[in-house]
Amino acid sequence: MKNQGTINVRVDCQAGEFLTITVEDDGPGIPAEVREQIWEPFFSTHSGDGLRGLGLTIVMDIMKIHRGCVKMESDPGKGARVALSFPLHDGPLEASVK
């Protein structure tokens, strides 16, 4: 969101199995043509100097370490929603992107 907007953060416990942190905004959303690429290292829609394109790759690594999953939803012009789900119990679980 370039100028202004709203960011909401919500935390839920789902059936005692997962703790889910959801972050959503009312920004421009993520265009469908780049939605799959945003998880790739160094991918960025921004031009210019500076380190770009590692944020979501790092998020995926953190989720794998904690045996969680991340889900992204976005509609152009309607913002984006990212949900990070962490298991509340021990046991095998695979990190995934949805």
Protein backbone atom coordinates (compact mmCIF):
# COMPACT_ATOMS: atom_id res chain seq x y z
CA MET A 1 0.00 0.00 0.00
CA LYS A 2 1.73 3.11 -1.19
CA ASN A 3 -0.07 6.00 0.47
CA GLN A 4 -2.62 4.86 3.01
CA GLY A 5 -4.80 1.95 3.91
CA THR A 6 -5.76 -0.41 6.67
CA ILE A 7 -3.88 -3.47 7.92
CA ASN A 8 -5.67 -5.90 10.22
CA VAL A 9 -3.99 -8.63 12.26
CA ARG A 10 -6.03 -11.46 13.78
CA VAL A 11 -4.97 -14.45 15.89
CA ASP A 12 -7.16 -17.56 16.12
CA CYS A 13 -6.83 -20.97 17.73
CA GLN A 14 -8.42 -23.58 15.49
CA ALA A 15 -9.83 -26.59 17.33
CA GLY A 16 -6.79 -26.68 19.60
CA GLU A 17 -4.72 -27.88 16.65
CA PHE A 18 -3.33 -24.70 15.06
CA LEU A 19 -2.59 -21.13 16.00
CA THR A 20 -3.26 -18.96 12.97
CA ILE A 21 -2.05 -15.39 12.50
CA THR A 22 -3.87 -13.61 9.68
CA VAL A 23 -2.68 -10.32 8.23
CA GLU A 24 -4.87 -8.57 5.68
CA ASP A 25 -4.91 -5.21 3.99
CA ASP A 26 -7.20 -3.21 1.76
CA GLY A 27 -4.47 -2.33 -0.74
CA PRO A 28 -4.36 -2.96 -4.48
CA GLY A 29 -3.97 -6.73 -4.15
CA ILE A 30 -1.54 -8.97 -5.99
CA PRO A 31 -2.03 -9.45 -9.72
CA ALA A 32 -2.79 -13.04 -10.73
CA GLU A 33 0.14 -13.12 -13.18
CA VAL A 34 2.70 -12.69 -10.36
CA ARG A 35 0.96 -14.52 -7.50
CA GLU A 36 2.98 -17.73 -7.92
CA GLN A 37 6.27 -15.88 -8.41
CA ILE A 38 6.14 -13.96 -5.12
CA TRP A 39 7.51 -16.99 -3.23
CA GLU A 40 10.64 -17.15 -5.42
CA PRO A 41 13.89 -15.69 -4.03
CA PHE A 42 14.70 -12.21 -5.34
CA PHE A 43 11.41 -11.79 -7.23
CA SER A 44 10.09 -8.25 -6.92
CA THR A 45 7.63 -6.03 -8.69
CA HIS A 46 9.62 -2.99 -7.53
CA SER A 47 12.43 -1.40 -9.46
CA GLY A 48 15.35 0.52 -8.09
CA ASP A 49 18.21 -0.06 -5.70
CA GLY A 50 18.13 -2.09 -2.54
CA LEU A 51 17.65 -5.64 -1.43
CA ARG A 52 14.30 -6.89 -2.60
CA GLY A 53 12.47 -10.13 -2.99
CA LEU A 54 13.58 -12.13 0.04
CA GLY A 55 10.76 -11.44 2.49
CA LEU A 56 8.32 -14.17 1.50
CA THR A 57 11.12 -16.66 0.88
CA ILE A 58 12.26 -16.10 4.46
CA VAL A 59 8.66 -16.45 5.68
CA MET A 60 8.46 -19.86 3.96
CA ASP A 61 11.70 -20.98 5.62
CA ILE A 62 10.40 -19.93 9.05
CA MET A 63 7.15 -21.79 8.44
CA LYS A 64 9.07 -24.94 7.48
CA ILE A 65 11.17 -24.76 10.65
CA HIS A 66 7.99 -24.53 12.74
CA ARG A 67 6.14 -27.20 10.72
CA GLY A 68 3.47 -24.72 9.70
CA CYS A 69 1.82 -23.56 6.52
CA VAL A 70 1.13 -20.25 4.86
CA LYS A 71 -1.86 -19.38 2.73
CA MET A 72 -2.20 -16.27 0.58
CA GLU A 73 -5.36 -14.92 -0.98
CA SER A 74 -5.60 -11.79 -3.05
CA ASP A 75 -8.05 -10.16 -5.39
CA PRO A 76 -6.83 -7.24 -7.48
CA GLY A 77 -8.30 -4.03 -6.12
CA LYS A 78 -9.49 -5.73 -2.92
CA GLY A 79 -6.30 -6.26 -0.93
CA ALA A 80 -4.44 -9.35 0.21
CA ARG A 81 -4.69 -11.82 3.08
CA VAL A 82 -1.87 -13.98 4.43
CA ALA A 83 -2.56 -16.67 7.03
CA LEU A 84 0.30 -18.30 8.95
CA SER A 85 -0.76 -21.50 10.72
CA PHE A 86 1.44 -23.08 13.38
CA PRO A 87 0.71 -26.52 14.88
CA LEU A 88 0.07 -26.60 18.63
CA HIS A 89 1.24 -30.20 19.03
CA ASP A 90 4.21 -32.37 18.17
CA GLY A 91 4.11 -34.70 15.23
CA PRO A 92 4.94 -34.81 11.55
CA LEU A 93 3.59 -31.92 9.53
CA GLU A 94 4.81 -30.53 6.23
CA ALA A 95 5.12 -26.85 5.44
CA SER A 96 3.10 -25.85 2.43
CA VAL A 97 2.04 -22.87 0.41
CA LYS A 98 -1.55 -22.54 -0.69
